[in-house]
């Protein structure tokens, strides 16, 4: 298992994107926390772009819940885009889709901010 690549992009003064490339597992915790800390500074919303996701397990889902709690504490929106059908189903089964807005594309997610 490899540590994911998690570059952060700022789209405008209100929104940042974390591009998730690779695997999201327990080993990703430090990298994901650091990327979220960077992305969430001074913005209203953070978009998680999963188009480069190769694999995510239950520990990875747990990390997303942690990010969601941090975003809610900071009164920020957390959105997701680029999920495959498989991971979209997992978001529905875990009810994460009720707390994290899920969009087909980054443009749609940005429009929802």
PDB file of N, CA and C in Angstrom:
ATOM      1  N   UNK A   1       0.838  -1.183   0.000  1.00  0.00           N
ATOM      2  CA  UNK A   1       0.000   0.000   0.000  1.00  0.00           C
ATOM      3  C   UNK A   1       0.880   1.242   0.000  1.00  0.00           C
ATOM      4  N   UNK A   2       0.444   2.200  -0.750  1.00  0.00           N
ATOM      5  CA  UNK A   2       1.237   3.415  -0.892  1.00  0.00           C
ATOM      6  C   UNK A   2       0.524   4.601  -0.276  1.00  0.00           C
ATOM      7  N   UNK A   3       1.304   5.575   0.109  1.00  0.00           N
ATOM      8  CA  UNK A   3       0.738   6.823   0.608  1.00  0.00           C
ATOM      9  C   UNK A   3       0.168   7.578  -0.585  1.00  0.00           C
ATOM     10  N   UNK A   4      -1.032   8.120  -0.458  1.00  0.00           N
ATOM     11  CA  UNK A   4      -1.623   8.811  -1.602  1.00  0.00           C
ATOM     12  C   UNK A   4      -0.932  10.145  -1.870  1.00  0.00           C
ATOM     13  N   UNK A   5      -1.078  10.591  -3.105  1.00  0.00           N
ATOM     14  CA  UNK A   5      -0.665  11.942  -3.469  1.00  0.00           C
ATOM     15  C   UNK A   5      -1.902  12.809  -3.273  1.00  0.00           C
ATOM     16  N   UNK A   6      -1.747  13.894  -2.495  1.00  0.00           N
ATOM     17  CA  UNK A   6      -2.905  14.717  -2.135  1.00  0.00           C
ATOM     18  C   UNK A   6      -2.638  16.198  -2.376  1.00  0.00           C
ATOM     19  N   UNK A   7      -2.392  16.596  -3.630  1.00  0.00           N
ATOM     20  CA  UNK A   7      -2.160  18.016  -3.878  1.00  0.00           C
ATOM     21  C   UNK A   7      -3.407  18.846  -3.599  1.00  0.00           C
ATOM     22  N   UNK A   8      -3.177  20.061  -3.124  1.00  0.00           N
ATOM     23  CA  UNK A   8      -4.263  20.983  -2.803  1.00  0.00           C
ATOM     24  C   UNK A   8      -4.254  22.117  -3.821  1.00  0.00           C
ATOM     25  N   UNK A   9      -5.436  22.421  -4.365  1.00  0.00           N
ATOM     26  CA  UNK A   9      -5.587  23.535  -5.302  1.00  0.00           C
ATOM     27  C   UNK A   9      -6.624  24.499  -4.749  1.00  0.00           C
ATOM     28  N   UNK A  10      -6.399  25.775  -4.950  1.00  0.00           N
ATOM     29  CA  UNK A  10      -7.390  26.786  -4.567  1.00  0.00           C
ATOM     30  C   UNK A  10      -8.070  27.268  -5.847  1.00  0.00           C
ATOM     31  N   UNK A  11      -9.408  27.141  -5.880  1.00  0.00           N
ATOM     32  CA  UNK A  11     -10.145  27.512  -7.086  1.00  0.00           C
ATOM     33  C   UNK A  11     -10.522  28.981  -7.079  1.00  0.00           C
ATOM     34  N   UNK A  12     -10.807  29.495  -5.919  1.00  0.00           N
ATOM     35  CA  UNK A  12     -11.162  30.903  -5.762  1.00  0.00           C
ATOM     36  C   UNK A  12     -10.936  31.228  -4.292  1.00  0.00           C
ATOM     37  N   UNK A  13     -11.347  32.349  -3.848  1.00  0.00           N
ATOM     38  CA  UNK A  13     -11.107  32.712  -2.463  1.00  0.00           C
ATOM     39  C   UNK A  13     -11.921  31.922  -1.456  1.00  0.00           C
ATOM     40  N   UNK A  14     -12.909  31.144  -1.958  1.00  0.00           N
ATOM     41  CA  UNK A  14     -13.818  30.458  -1.044  1.00  0.00           C
ATOM     42  C   UNK A  14     -13.708  28.946  -1.056  1.00  0.00           C
ATOM     43  N   UNK A  15     -13.022  28.383  -2.042  1.00  0.00           N
ATOM     44  CA  UNK A  15     -13.045  26.933  -2.233  1.00  0.00           C
ATOM     45  C   UNK A  15     -11.653  26.384  -2.520  1.00  0.00           C
ATOM     46  N   UNK A  16     -11.365  25.236  -1.905  1.00  0.00           N
ATOM     47  CA  UNK A  16     -10.120  24.520  -2.188  1.00  0.00           C
ATOM     48  C   UNK A  16     -10.475  23.083  -2.577  1.00  0.00           C
ATOM     49  N   UNK A  17      -9.596  22.470  -3.348  1.00  0.00           N
ATOM     50  CA  UNK A  17      -9.785  21.090  -3.807  1.00  0.00           C
ATOM     51  C   UNK A  17      -8.597  20.259  -3.343  1.00  0.00           C
ATOM     52  N   UNK A  18      -8.896  19.065  -2.826  1.00  0.00           N
ATOM     53  CA  UNK A  18      -7.845  18.082  -2.556  1.00  0.00           C
ATOM     54  C   UNK A  18      -8.008  17.000  -3.612  1.00  0.00           C
ATOM     55  N   UNK A  19      -6.997  16.845  -4.463  1.00  0.00           N
ATOM     56  CA  UNK A  19      -7.010  15.783  -5.474  1.00  0.00           C
ATOM     57  C   UNK A  19      -6.471  14.515  -4.821  1.00  0.00           C
ATOM     58  N   UNK A  20      -7.326  13.517  -4.701  1.00  0.00           N
ATOM     59  CA  UNK A  20      -6.947  12.270  -4.037  1.00  0.00           C
ATOM     60  C   UNK A  20      -6.499  11.275  -5.098  1.00  0.00           C
ATOM     61  N   UNK A  21      -5.214  10.965  -5.083  1.00  0.00           N
ATOM     62  CA  UNK A  21      -4.617  10.049  -6.045  1.00  0.00           C
ATOM     63  C   UNK A  21      -3.985   8.882  -5.284  1.00  0.00           C
ATOM     64  N   UNK A  22      -4.377   7.666  -5.623  1.00  0.00           N
ATOM     65  CA  UNK A  22      -3.802   6.500  -4.961  1.00  0.00           C
ATOM     66  C   UNK A  22      -4.785   5.886  -3.987  1.00  0.00           C
ATOM     67  N   UNK A  23      -4.255   5.421  -2.850  1.00  0.00           N
ATOM     68  CA  UNK A  23      -5.039   4.670  -1.882  1.00  0.00           C
ATOM     69  C   UNK A  23      -5.320   5.492  -0.633  1.00  0.00           C
ATOM     70  N   UNK A  24      -6.510   5.325  -0.083  1.00  0.00           N
ATOM     71  CA  UNK A  24      -6.873   5.970   1.180  1.00  0.00           C
ATOM     72  C   UNK A  24      -7.141   4.856   2.189  1.00  0.00           C
ATOM     73  N   UNK A  25      -6.184   4.692   3.100  1.00  0.00           N
ATOM     74  CA  UNK A  25      -6.253   3.665   4.140  1.00  0.00           C
ATOM     75  C   UNK A  25      -5.750   4.296   5.434  1.00  0.00           C
ATOM     76  N   UNK A  26      -5.613   3.494   6.475  1.00  0.00           N
ATOM     77  CA  UNK A  26      -5.102   3.999   7.754  1.00  0.00           C
ATOM     78  C   UNK A  26      -3.734   4.663   7.581  1.00  0.00           C
ATOM     79  N   UNK A  27      -2.950   4.174   6.635  1.00  0.00           N
ATOM     80  CA  UNK A  27      -1.615   4.756   6.394  1.00  0.00           C
ATOM     81  C   UNK A  27      -1.692   6.160   5.805  1.00  0.00           C
ATOM     82  N   UNK A  28      -2.851   6.551   5.347  1.00  0.00           N
ATOM     83  CA  UNK A  28      -3.043   7.866   4.727  1.00  0.00           C
ATOM     84  C   UNK A  28      -3.372   8.950   5.740  1.00  0.00           C
ATOM     85  N   UNK A  29      -3.563   8.581   6.995  1.00  0.00           N
ATOM     86  CA  UNK A  29      -4.101   9.512   7.978  1.00  0.00           C
ATOM     87  C   UNK A  29      -3.311  10.812   8.065  1.00  0.00           C
ATOM     88  N   UNK A  30      -1.995  10.730   8.238  1.00  0.00           N
ATOM     89  CA  UNK A  30      -1.195  11.944   8.400  1.00  0.00           C
ATOM     90  C   UNK A  30      -1.229  12.812   7.147  1.00  0.00           C
ATOM     91  N   UNK A  31      -1.087  12.176   5.984  1.00  0.00           N
ATOM     92  CA  UNK A  31      -1.082  12.932   4.728  1.00  0.00           C
ATOM     93  C   UNK A  31      -2.429  13.587   4.471  1.00  0.00           C
ATOM     94  N   UNK A  32      -3.509  12.873   4.758  1.00  0.00           N
ATOM     95  CA  UNK A  32      -4.843  13.416   4.532  1.00  0.00           C
ATOM     96  C   UNK A  32      -5.145  14.552   5.516  1.00  0.00           C
ATOM     97  N   UNK A  33      -4.741  14.371   6.769  1.00  0.00           N
ATOM     98  CA  UNK A  33      -4.949  15.426   7.765  1.00  0.00           C
ATOM     99  C   UNK A  33      -4.184  16.690   7.390  1.00  0.00           C
ATOM    100  N   UNK A  34      -2.949  16.530   6.920  1.00  0.00           N
ATOM    101  CA  UNK A  34      -2.134  17.685   6.516  1.00  0.00           C
ATOM    102  C   UNK A  34      -2.738  18.384   5.300  1.00  0.00           C
ATOM    103  N   UNK A  35      -3.202  17.600   4.321  1.00  0.00           N
ATOM    104  CA  UNK A  35      -3.806  18.185   3.125  1.00  0.00           C
ATOM    105  C   UNK A  35      -5.086  18.933   3.500  1.00  0.00           C
ATOM    106  N   UNK A  36      -5.882  18.364   4.399  1.00  0.00           N
ATOM    107  CA  UNK A  36      -7.113  19.032   4.803  1.00  0.00           C
ATOM    108  C   UNK A  36      -6.812  20.315   5.580  1.00  0.00           C
ATOM    109  N   UNK A  37      -5.816  20.273   6.446  1.00  0.00           N
ATOM    110  CA  UNK A  37      -5.449  21.474   7.210  1.00  0.00           C
ATOM    111  C   UNK A  37      -5.047  22.594   6.257  1.00  0.00           C
ATOM    112  N   UNK A  38      -4.283  22.249   5.224  1.00  0.00           N
ATOM    113  CA  UNK A  38      -3.863  23.230   4.223  1.00  0.00           C
ATOM    114  C   UNK A  38      -5.069  23.729   3.437  1.00  0.00           C
ATOM    115  N   UNK A  39      -5.884  22.798   2.946  1.00  0.00           N
ATOM    116  CA  UNK A  39      -7.014  23.161   2.087  1.00  0.00           C
ATOM    117  C   UNK A  39      -8.067  23.971   2.825  1.00  0.00           C
ATOM    118  N   UNK A  40      -8.288  23.672   4.096  1.00  0.00           N
ATOM    119  CA  UNK A  40      -9.416  24.279   4.808  1.00  0.00           C
ATOM    120  C   UNK A  40      -9.107  25.656   5.392  1.00  0.00           C
ATOM    121  N   UNK A  41      -7.878  26.110   5.238  1.00  0.00           N
ATOM    122  CA  UNK A  41      -7.505  27.413   5.787  1.00  0.00           C
ATOM    123  C   UNK A  41      -8.135  28.538   4.981  1.00  0.00           C
ATOM    124  N   UNK A  42      -9.022  29.292   5.615  1.00  0.00           N
ATOM    125  CA  UNK A  42      -9.593  30.486   5.000  1.00  0.00           C
ATOM    126  C   UNK A  42     -10.569  30.266   3.871  1.00  0.00           C
ATOM    127  N   UNK A  43     -11.203  29.082   3.809  1.00  0.00           N
ATOM    128  CA  UNK A  43     -12.181  28.827   2.746  1.00  0.00           C
ATOM    129  C   UNK A  43     -13.527  28.453   3.355  1.00  0.00           C
ATOM    130  N   UNK A  44     -14.561  28.495   2.508  1.00  0.00           N
ATOM    131  CA  UNK A  44     -15.906  28.103   2.943  1.00  0.00           C
ATOM    132  C   UNK A  44     -16.193  26.638   2.633  1.00  0.00           C
ATOM    133  N   UNK A  45     -15.470  26.087   1.652  1.00  0.00           N
ATOM    134  CA  UNK A  45     -15.758  24.713   1.232  1.00  0.00           C
ATOM    135  C   UNK A  45     -14.481  24.020   0.766  1.00  0.00           C
ATOM    136  N   UNK A  46     -14.457  22.707   1.005  1.00  0.00           N
ATOM    137  CA  UNK A  46     -13.368  21.857   0.529  1.00  0.00           C
ATOM    138  C   UNK A  46     -14.003  20.758  -0.319  1.00  0.00           C
ATOM    139  N   UNK A  47     -13.488  20.620  -1.544  1.00  0.00           N
ATOM    140  CA  UNK A  47     -13.956  19.574  -2.451  1.00  0.00           C
ATOM    141  C   UNK A  47     -12.913  18.466  -2.458  1.00  0.00           C
ATOM    142  N   UNK A  48     -13.355  17.245  -2.192  1.00  0.00           N
ATOM    143  CA  UNK A  48     -12.487  16.072  -2.299  1.00  0.00           C
ATOM    144  C   UNK A  48     -12.698  15.494  -3.693  1.00  0.00           C
ATOM    145  N   UNK A  49     -11.661  15.549  -4.523  1.00  0.00           N
ATOM    146  CA  UNK A  49     -11.756  15.042  -5.893  1.00  0.00           C
ATOM    147  C   UNK A  49     -11.207  13.616  -5.906  1.00  0.00           C
ATOM    148  N   UNK A  50     -12.106  12.652  -6.023  1.00  0.00           N
ATOM    149  CA  UNK A  50     -11.727  11.240  -5.959  1.00  0.00           C
ATOM    150  C   UNK A  50     -11.430  10.624  -7.326  1.00  0.00           C
ATOM    151  N   UNK A  51     -11.300  11.419  -8.373  1.00  0.00           N
ATOM    152  CA  UNK A  51     -11.125  10.845  -9.709  1.00  0.00           C
ATOM    153  C   UNK A  51      -9.827  10.035  -9.841  1.00  0.00           C
ATOM    154  N   UNK A  52      -8.839  10.295  -8.982  1.00  0.00           N
ATOM    155  CA  UNK A  52      -7.596   9.526  -9.024  1.00  0.00           C
ATOM    156  C   UNK A  52      -7.514   8.437  -7.964  1.00  0.00           C
ATOM    157  N   UNK A  53      -8.634   8.177  -7.278  1.00  0.00           N
ATOM    158  CA  UNK A  53      -8.650   7.166  -6.217  1.00  0.00           C
ATOM    159  C   UNK A  53      -8.499   5.776  -6.807  1.00  0.00           C
ATOM    160  N   UNK A  54      -7.558   5.015  -6.250  1.00  0.00           N
ATOM    161  CA  UNK A  54      -7.363   3.627  -6.684  1.00  0.00           C
ATOM    162  C   UNK A  54      -8.025   2.642  -5.736  1.00  0.00           C
ATOM    163  N   UNK A  55      -7.999   2.962  -4.427  1.00  0.00           N
ATOM    164  CA  UNK A  55      -8.522   2.026  -3.434  1.00  0.00           C
ATOM    165  C   UNK A  55      -8.811   2.772  -2.140  1.00  0.00           C
ATOM    166  N   UNK A  56      -9.916   2.419  -1.492  1.00  0.00           N
ATOM    167  CA  UNK A  56     -10.216   2.965  -0.168  1.00  0.00           C
ATOM    168  C   UNK A  56     -10.881   1.856   0.629  1.00  0.00           C
ATOM    169  N   UNK A  57     -10.416   1.667   1.872  1.00  0.00           N
ATOM    170  CA  UNK A  57     -11.016   0.647   2.723  1.00  0.00           C
ATOM    171  C   UNK A  57     -11.797   1.303   3.857  1.00  0.00           C
ATOM    172  N   UNK A  58     -12.234   0.505   4.816  1.00  0.00           N
ATOM    173  CA  UNK A  58     -13.058   1.039   5.907  1.00  0.00           C
ATOM    174  C   UNK A  58     -12.289   2.059   6.743  1.00  0.00           C
ATOM    175  N   UNK A  59     -10.991   1.887   6.877  1.00  0.00           N
ATOM    176  CA  UNK A  59     -10.187   2.888   7.594  1.00  0.00           C
ATOM    177  C   UNK A  59     -10.211   4.216   6.845  1.00  0.00           C
ATOM    178  N   UNK A  60     -10.176   4.152   5.526  1.00  0.00           N
ATOM    179  CA  UNK A  60     -10.263   5.362   4.713  1.00  0.00           C
ATOM    180  C   UNK A  60     -11.591   6.061   4.883  1.00  0.00           C
ATOM    181  N   UNK A  61     -12.666   5.289   4.949  1.00  0.00           N
ATOM    182  CA  UNK A  61     -13.991   5.868   5.208  1.00  0.00           C
ATOM    183  C   UNK A  61     -13.982   6.563   6.565  1.00  0.00           C
ATOM    184  N   UNK A  62     -13.373   5.931   7.545  1.00  0.00           N
ATOM    185  CA  UNK A  62     -13.261   6.539   8.876  1.00  0.00           C
ATOM    186  C   UNK A  62     -12.525   7.859   8.841  1.00  0.00           C
ATOM    187  N   UNK A  63     -11.477   7.947   8.018  1.00  0.00           N
ATOM    188  CA  UNK A  63     -10.735   9.204   7.880  1.00  0.00           C
ATOM    189  C   UNK A  63     -11.627  10.288   7.277  1.00  0.00           C
ATOM    190  N   UNK A  64     -12.484   9.912   6.344  1.00  0.00           N
ATOM    191  CA  UNK A  64     -13.400  10.888   5.748  1.00  0.00           C
ATOM    192  C   UNK A  64     -14.384  11.416   6.795  1.00  0.00           C
ATOM    193  N   UNK A  65     -14.820  10.534   7.692  1.00  0.00           N
ATOM    194  CA  UNK A  65     -15.713  10.972   8.771  1.00  0.00           C
ATOM    195  C   UNK A  65     -14.985  11.994   9.645  1.00  0.00           C
ATOM    196  N   UNK A  66     -13.716  11.748   9.925  1.00  0.00           N
ATOM    197  CA  UNK A  66     -12.914  12.690  10.713  1.00  0.00           C
ATOM    198  C   UNK A  66     -12.832  14.043  10.014  1.00  0.00           C
ATOM    199  N   UNK A  67     -12.603  14.040   8.693  1.00  0.00           N
ATOM    200  CA  UNK A  67     -12.548  15.294   7.942  1.00  0.00           C
ATOM    201  C   UNK A  67     -13.897  16.008   7.985  1.00  0.00           C
ATOM    202  N   UNK A  68     -14.968  15.243   7.880  1.00  0.00           N
ATOM    203  CA  UNK A  68     -16.308  15.819   7.927  1.00  0.00           C
ATOM    204  C   UNK A  68     -16.540  16.526   9.263  1.00  0.00           C
ATOM    205  N   UNK A  69     -16.139  15.890  10.354  1.00  0.00           N
ATOM    206  CA  UNK A  69     -16.309  16.498  11.682  1.00  0.00           C
ATOM    207  C   UNK A  69     -15.498  17.791  11.774  1.00  0.00           C
ATOM    208  N   UNK A  70     -14.267  17.764  11.261  1.00  0.00           N
ATOM    209  CA  UNK A  70     -13.438  18.985  11.279  1.00  0.00           C
ATOM    210  C   UNK A  70     -14.083  20.091  10.460  1.00  0.00           C
ATOM    211  N   UNK A  71     -14.594  19.740   9.283  1.00  0.00           N
ATOM    212  CA  UNK A  71     -15.241  20.744   8.426  1.00  0.00           C
ATOM    213  C   UNK A  71     -16.463  21.336   9.131  1.00  0.00           C
ATOM    214  N   UNK A  72     -17.262  20.484   9.761  1.00  0.00           N
ATOM    215  CA  UNK A  72     -18.461  20.970  10.449  1.00  0.00           C
ATOM    216  C   UNK A  72     -18.084  21.894  11.601  1.00  0.00           C
ATOM    217  N   UNK A  73     -17.037  21.547  12.348  1.00  0.00           N
ATOM    218  CA  UNK A  73     -16.591  22.405  13.454  1.00  0.00           C
ATOM    219  C   UNK A  73     -16.147  23.766  12.949  1.00  0.00           C
ATOM    220  N   UNK A  74     -15.574  23.790  11.746  1.00  0.00           N
ATOM    221  CA  UNK A  74     -15.086  25.037  11.157  1.00  0.00           C
ATOM    222  C   UNK A  74     -16.174  25.722  10.330  1.00  0.00           C
ATOM    223  N   UNK A  75     -17.392  25.180  10.366  1.00  0.00           N
ATOM    224  CA  UNK A  75     -18.540  25.712   9.624  1.00  0.00           C
ATOM    225  C   UNK A  75     -18.254  25.789   8.121  1.00  0.00           C
ATOM    226  N   UNK A  76     -17.663  24.707   7.607  1.00  0.00           N
ATOM    227  CA  UNK A  76     -17.332  24.623   6.183  1.00  0.00           C
ATOM    228  C   UNK A  76     -18.110  23.477   5.542  1.00  0.00           C
ATOM    229  N   UNK A  77     -18.312  23.597   4.246  1.00  0.00           N
ATOM    230  CA  UNK A  77     -18.925  22.510   3.482  1.00  0.00           C
ATOM    231  C   UNK A  77     -17.824  21.540   3.061  1.00  0.00           C
ATOM    232  N   UNK A  78     -18.163  20.261   3.056  1.00  0.00           N
ATOM    233  CA  UNK A  78     -17.283  19.234   2.504  1.00  0.00           C
ATOM    234  C   UNK A  78     -18.050  18.575   1.373  1.00  0.00           C
ATOM    235  N   UNK A  79     -17.455  18.584   0.186  1.00  0.00           N
ATOM    236  CA  UNK A  79     -18.098  18.030  -0.994  1.00  0.00           C
ATOM    237  C   UNK A  79     -17.177  16.999  -1.628  1.00  0.00           C
ATOM    238  N   UNK A  80     -17.753  16.136  -2.451  1.00  0.00           N
ATOM    239  CA  UNK A  80     -16.960  15.111  -3.133  1.00  0.00           C
ATOM    240  C   UNK A  80     -17.340  15.069  -4.599  1.00  0.00           C
ATOM    241  N   UNK A  81     -16.364  14.753  -5.430  1.00  0.00           N
ATOM    242  CA  UNK A  81     -16.635  14.546  -6.856  1.00  0.00           C
ATOM    243  C   UNK A  81     -15.714  13.445  -7.369  1.00  0.00           C
ATOM    244  N   UNK A  82     -16.050  12.931  -8.524  1.00  0.00           N
ATOM    245  CA  UNK A  82     -15.201  11.936  -9.171  1.00  0.00           C
ATOM    246  C   UNK A  82     -15.270  10.552  -8.566  1.00  0.00           C
ATOM    247  N   UNK A  83     -16.309  10.250  -7.800  1.00  0.00           N
ATOM    248  CA  UNK A  83     -16.432   8.914  -7.201  1.00  0.00           C
ATOM    249  C   UNK A  83     -16.880   7.903  -8.255  1.00  0.00           C
ATOM    250  N   UNK A  84     -16.274   6.740  -8.250  1.00  0.00           N
ATOM    251  CA  UNK A  84     -16.742   5.657  -9.112  1.00  0.00           C
ATOM    252  C   UNK A  84     -18.082   5.157  -8.576  1.00  0.00           C
ATOM    253  N   UNK A  85     -18.796   4.385  -9.368  1.00  0.00           N
ATOM    254  CA  UNK A  85     -20.079   3.842  -8.924  1.00  0.00           C
ATOM    255  C   UNK A  85     -19.907   3.024  -7.644  1.00  0.00           C
ATOM    256  N   UNK A  86     -18.819   2.269  -7.561  1.00  0.00           N
ATOM    257  CA  UNK A  86     -18.549   1.436  -6.382  1.00  0.00           C
ATOM    258  C   UNK A  86     -18.462   2.287  -5.116  1.00  0.00           C
ATOM    259  N   UNK A  87     -17.658   3.346  -5.163  1.00  0.00           N
ATOM    260  CA  UNK A  87     -17.492   4.177  -3.977  1.00  0.00           C
ATOM    261  C   UNK A  87     -18.715   5.055  -3.715  1.00  0.00           C
ATOM    262  N   UNK A  88     -19.434   5.401  -4.756  1.00  0.00           N
ATOM    263  CA  UNK A  88     -20.692   6.136  -4.565  1.00  0.00           C
ATOM    264  C   UNK A  88     -21.675   5.262  -3.770  1.00  0.00           C
ATOM    265  N   UNK A  89     -21.726   3.968  -4.093  1.00  0.00           N
ATOM    266  CA  UNK A  89     -22.583   3.031  -3.345  1.00  0.00           C
ATOM    267  C   UNK A  89     -22.142   2.944  -1.887  1.00  0.00           C
ATOM    268  N   UNK A  90     -20.836   2.914  -1.655  1.00  0.00           N
ATOM    269  CA  UNK A  90     -20.330   2.850  -0.279  1.00  0.00           C
ATOM    270  C   UNK A  90     -20.730   4.105   0.487  1.00  0.00           C
ATOM    271  N   UNK A  91     -20.652   5.254  -0.154  1.00  0.00           N
ATOM    272  CA  UNK A  91     -21.080   6.501   0.494  1.00  0.00           C
ATOM    273  C   UNK A  91     -22.569   6.412   0.859  1.00  0.00           C
ATOM    274  N   UNK A  92     -23.367   5.789  -0.010  1.00  0.00           N
ATOM    275  CA  UNK A  92     -24.797   5.650   0.276  1.00  0.00           C
ATOM    276  C   UNK A  92     -25.032   4.663   1.418  1.00  0.00           C
ATOM    277  N   UNK A  93     -24.336   3.533   1.397  1.00  0.00           N
ATOM    278  CA  UNK A  93     -24.504   2.524   2.448  1.00  0.00           C
ATOM    279  C   UNK A  93     -24.103   3.052   3.816  1.00  0.00           C
ATOM    280  N   UNK A  94     -23.051   3.854   3.861  1.00  0.00           N
ATOM    281  CA  UNK A  94     -22.565   4.406   5.132  1.00  0.00           C
ATOM    282  C   UNK A  94     -23.277   5.711   5.486  1.00  0.00           C
ATOM    283  N   UNK A  95     -24.138   6.162   4.593  1.00  0.00           N
ATOM    284  CA  UNK A  95     -24.900   7.407   4.739  1.00  0.00           C
ATOM    285  C   UNK A  95     -24.002   8.647   4.736  1.00  0.00           C
ATOM    286  N   UNK A  96     -22.782   8.500   4.276  1.00  0.00           N
ATOM    287  CA  UNK A  96     -21.906   9.669   4.129  1.00  0.00           C
ATOM    288  C   UNK A  96     -22.467  10.640   3.110  1.00  0.00           C
ATOM    289  N   UNK A  97     -23.221  10.110   2.136  1.00  0.00           N
ATOM    290  CA  UNK A  97     -23.791  10.976   1.098  1.00  0.00           C
ATOM    291  C   UNK A  97     -24.815  11.957   1.671  1.00  0.00           C
ATOM    292  N   UNK A  98     -25.288  11.706   2.885  1.00  0.00           N
ATOM    293  CA  UNK A  98     -26.227  12.635   3.518  1.00  0.00           C
ATOM    294  C   UNK A  98     -25.514  13.828   4.138  1.00  0.00           C
ATOM    295  N   UNK A  99     -24.219  13.675   4.401  1.00  0.00           N
ATOM    296  CA  UNK A  99     -23.452  14.741   5.050  1.00  0.00           C
ATOM    297  C   UNK A  99     -22.446  15.400   4.107  1.00  0.00           C
ATOM    298  N   UNK A 100     -21.977  14.628   3.133  1.00  0.00           N
ATOM    299  CA  UNK A 100     -21.018  15.133   2.155  1.00  0.00           C
ATOM    300  C   UNK A 100     -21.731  15.192   0.816  1.00  0.00           C
ATOM    301  N   UNK A 101     -21.800  16.391   0.236  1.00  0.00           N
ATOM    302  CA  UNK A 101     -22.439  16.522  -1.068  1.00  0.00           C
ATOM    303  C   UNK A 101     -21.633  15.778  -2.123  1.00  0.00           C
ATOM    304  N   UNK A 102     -22.300  14.955  -2.922  1.00  0.00           N
ATOM    305  CA  UNK A 102     -21.618  14.168  -3.949  1.00  0.00           C
ATOM    306  C   UNK A 102     -22.029  14.678  -5.323  1.00  0.00           C
ATOM    307  N   UNK A 103     -21.025  14.958  -6.145  1.00  0.00           N
ATOM    308  CA  UNK A 103     -21.261  15.527  -7.474  1.00  0.00           C
ATOM    309  C   UNK A 103     -20.452  14.756  -8.504  1.00  0.00           C
ATOM    310  N   UNK A 104     -20.992  14.729  -9.721  1.00  0.00           N
ATOM    311  CA  UNK A 104     -20.331  13.979 -10.790  1.00  0.00           C
ATOM    312  C   UNK A 104     -18.999  14.603 -11.201  1.00  0.00           C
ATOM    313  N   UNK A 105     -18.951  15.945 -11.178  1.00  0.00           N
ATOM    314  CA  UNK A 105     -17.750  16.633 -11.636  1.00  0.00           C
ATOM    315  C   UNK A 105     -17.327  17.727 -10.651  1.00  0.00           C
ATOM    316  N   UNK A 106     -16.109  18.159 -10.794  1.00  0.00           N
ATOM    317  CA  UNK A 106     -15.613  19.261  -9.958  1.00  0.00           C
ATOM    318  C   UNK A 106     -16.413  20.528 -10.243  1.00  0.00           C
ATOM    319  N   UNK A 107     -16.773  20.753 -11.496  1.00  0.00           N
ATOM    320  CA  UNK A 107     -17.548  21.931 -11.850  1.00  0.00           C
ATOM    321  C   UNK A 107     -18.903  21.955 -11.162  1.00  0.00           C
ATOM    322  N   UNK A 108     -19.569  20.791 -11.096  1.00  0.00           N
ATOM    323  CA  UNK A 108     -20.862  20.716 -10.415  1.00  0.00           C
ATOM    324  C   UNK A 108     -20.694  20.964  -8.916  1.00  0.00           C
ATOM    325  N   UNK A 109     -19.643  20.413  -8.336  1.00  0.00           N
ATOM    326  CA  UNK A 109     -19.385  20.627  -6.908  1.00  0.00           C
ATOM    327  C   UNK A 109     -19.114  22.102  -6.633  1.00  0.00           C
ATOM    328  N   UNK A 110     -18.335  22.707  -7.491  1.00  0.00           N
ATOM    329  CA  UNK A 110     -18.031  24.134  -7.324  1.00  0.00           C
ATOM    330  C   UNK A 110     -19.301  24.971  -7.430  1.00  0.00           C
ATOM    331  N   UNK A 111     -20.184  24.587  -8.342  1.00  0.00           N
ATOM    332  CA  UNK A 111     -21.455  25.294  -8.496  1.00  0.00           C
ATOM    333  C   UNK A 111     -22.341  25.185  -7.261  1.00  0.00           C
ATOM    334  N   UNK A 112     -22.166  24.115  -6.491  1.00  0.00           N
ATOM    335  CA  UNK A 112     -22.981  23.900  -5.297  1.00  0.00           C
ATOM    336  C   UNK A 112     -22.444  24.655  -4.083  1.00  0.00           C
ATOM    337  N   UNK A 113     -21.237  25.174  -4.204  1.00  0.00           N
ATOM    338  CA  UNK A 113     -20.653  25.918  -3.091  1.00  0.00           C
ATOM    339  C   UNK A 113     -21.372  27.249  -2.985  1.00  0.00           C
TER     340      UNK A 113
END
